[in-house]
């Protein structure tokens, strides 16, 4: 077919998933509103006597993931596991959204004293019975 050109239709599909939002709006959509992290930060003990930490979210060791300031992460002090990065739902409620049937939502709900500082949290993992963990102290001075 010398001298002939055939035009094929080109179909472009664009999936919009927050891509048109300004960066600040995307950040709020993913992380929720910023909080006064000092009200929540500390160690919390579960029913088995294990300590869990609540700290300001920061990139994993050696990572440079863009994590906004004034957001929380929750993790175990007793094992070598990655923390859960929490999205703010309200002043008291945070979520690590589930991503399949084996990794359901993790919802953390805080209780506060008269000065607005966290004294306990309720940890809910999928269909498991929620657990209340009491705040047992501050993070160590050399916390990382």
Foldseek 3Di string as FASTA:
>chain_A
DPPDDDDDDDDDDDDDDCPPPPPVVVLCVVANDADPQVLEFAWWAFPVRFIKTKDWDDDDVVDDPDDDTRFIWIGGPPDPDDTQTWHDPDRFKTWRDADDPVFHIWMKGFDADPVSHGQWIWIDGPPDDITIIGGDGHDDPPHD
